[in-house]
Amino acid sequence: MNPRLAKLWTVQDLADFLDVPVKTIYSWRSAGYGPRGKKVGRYVRYDQADVEAWFDSLTDEVA
């Protein structure tokens, strides 16, 4: 299947994938951190490929 036709992730989908609270996703977004999200109307959606690329770019350093 064409990756562009894949289902976009909701904030809840992303939070579930990363095992963090939804509030954390919104806080990261406000701080300019986290995977790139796109506004679709009043909603934020995430492309799985963007999430995976962001995750792969993280270092193993402890915060």
C-alpha atoms as a PDB file:
ATOM      1  CA  MET A   1       0.000   0.000   0.000  1.00  0.00           C
ATOM      2  CA  ASN A   2       1.171   3.518  -0.764  1.00  0.00           C
ATOM      3  CA  PRO A   3       2.490   5.031   2.509  1.00  0.00           C
ATOM      4  CA  ARG A   4       0.679   8.277   1.711  1.00  0.00           C
ATOM      5  CA  LEU A   5      -2.614   6.381   1.837  1.00  0.00           C
ATOM      6  CA  ALA A   6      -1.925   4.974   5.304  1.00  0.00           C
ATOM      7  CA  LYS A   7      -4.228   6.060   8.130  1.00  0.00           C
ATOM      8  CA  LEU A   8      -3.012   9.144   9.949  1.00  0.00           C
ATOM      9  CA  TRP A   9      -2.486   8.875  13.687  1.00  0.00           C
ATOM     10  CA  THR A  10      -4.477  10.857  16.225  1.00  0.00           C
ATOM     11  CA  VAL A  11      -2.917  12.368  19.335  1.00  0.00           C
ATOM     12  CA  GLN A  12      -4.296   9.380  21.238  1.00  0.00           C
ATOM     13  CA  ASP A  13      -2.686   6.953  18.760  1.00  0.00           C
ATOM     14  CA  LEU A  14       0.669   8.682  19.236  1.00  0.00           C
ATOM     15  CA  ALA A  15       0.324   8.708  23.021  1.00  0.00           C
ATOM     16  CA  ASP A  16      -0.520   4.999  22.985  1.00  0.00           C
ATOM     17  CA  PHE A  17       2.442   4.213  20.726  1.00  0.00           C
ATOM     18  CA  LEU A  18       4.877   6.122  22.964  1.00  0.00           C
ATOM     19  CA  ASP A  19       3.119   5.039  26.181  1.00  0.00           C
ATOM     20  CA  VAL A  20       2.837   8.614  27.449  1.00  0.00           C
ATOM     21  CA  PRO A  21      -0.213  10.661  28.487  1.00  0.00           C
ATOM     22  CA  VAL A  22      -2.039  12.678  25.829  1.00  0.00           C
ATOM     23  CA  LYS A  23      -1.264  15.799  27.877  1.00  0.00           C
ATOM     24  CA  THR A  24       2.450  15.103  27.347  1.00  0.00           C
ATOM     25  CA  ILE A  25       1.965  15.087  23.569  1.00  0.00           C
ATOM     26  CA  TYR A  26       0.259  18.487  23.738  1.00  0.00           C
ATOM     27  CA  SER A  27       3.002  19.840  26.027  1.00  0.00           C
ATOM     28  CA  TRP A  28       5.697  18.603  23.657  1.00  0.00           C
ATOM     29  CA  ARG A  29       3.877  20.172  20.723  1.00  0.00           C
ATOM     30  CA  SER A  30       3.688  23.539  22.518  1.00  0.00           C
ATOM     31  CA  ALA A  31       7.418  23.321  23.278  1.00  0.00           C
ATOM     32  CA  GLY A  32       8.323  22.437  19.677  1.00  0.00           C
ATOM     33  CA  TYR A  33       9.399  18.925  20.620  1.00  0.00           C
ATOM     34  CA  GLY A  34       8.207  15.593  19.302  1.00  0.00           C
ATOM     35  CA  PRO A  35       7.242  14.311  15.876  1.00  0.00           C
ATOM     36  CA  ARG A  36       5.895  16.694  13.271  1.00  0.00           C
ATOM     37  CA  GLY A  37       2.130  16.937  13.404  1.00  0.00           C
ATOM     38  CA  LYS A  38      -0.201  18.575  10.921  1.00  0.00           C
ATOM     39  CA  LYS A  39      -3.405  20.454  11.596  1.00  0.00           C
ATOM     40  CA  VAL A  40      -6.410  19.021   9.794  1.00  0.00           C
ATOM     41  CA  GLY A  41      -9.154  21.458  10.594  1.00  0.00           C
ATOM     42  CA  ARG A  42      -9.080  21.729  14.367  1.00  0.00           C
ATOM     43  CA  TYR A  43      -7.388  18.354  14.815  1.00  0.00           C
ATOM     44  CA  VAL A  44      -3.718  17.344  14.884  1.00  0.00           C
ATOM     45  CA  ARG A  45      -2.724  14.287  12.894  1.00  0.00           C
ATOM     46  CA  TYR A  46       0.567  12.433  12.601  1.00  0.00           C
ATOM     47  CA  ASP A  47       2.030  10.467   9.717  1.00  0.00           C
ATOM     48  CA  GLN A  48       3.432   7.143  10.958  1.00  0.00           C
ATOM     49  CA  ALA A  49       6.581   7.601   8.843  1.00  0.00           C
ATOM     50  CA  ASP A  50       7.234  11.001  10.493  1.00  0.00           C
ATOM     51  CA  VAL A  51       6.744   9.486  13.952  1.00  0.00           C
ATOM     52  CA  GLU A  52       9.133   6.626  13.187  1.00  0.00           C
ATOM     53  CA  ALA A  53      11.754   9.008  11.720  1.00  0.00           C
ATOM     54  CA  TRP A  54      11.522  11.249  14.794  1.00  0.00           C
ATOM     55  CA  PHE A  55      11.792   8.271  17.137  1.00  0.00           C
ATOM     56  CA  ASP A  56      14.786   6.880  15.248  1.00  0.00           C
ATOM     57  CA  SER A  57      16.515  10.256  15.529  1.00  0.00           C
ATOM     58  CA  LEU A  58      16.421  10.194  19.335  1.00  0.00           C
ATOM     59  CA  THR A  59      19.642   9.400  21.156  1.00  0.00           C
ATOM     60  CA  ASP A  60      20.050   6.835  23.893  1.00  0.00           C
ATOM     61  CA  GLU A  61      21.067   9.545  26.378  1.00  0.00           C
ATOM     62  CA  VAL A  62      19.097   9.816  29.574  1.00  0.00           C
ATOM     63  CA  ALA A  63      17.389  13.162  30.093  1.00  0.00           C
END
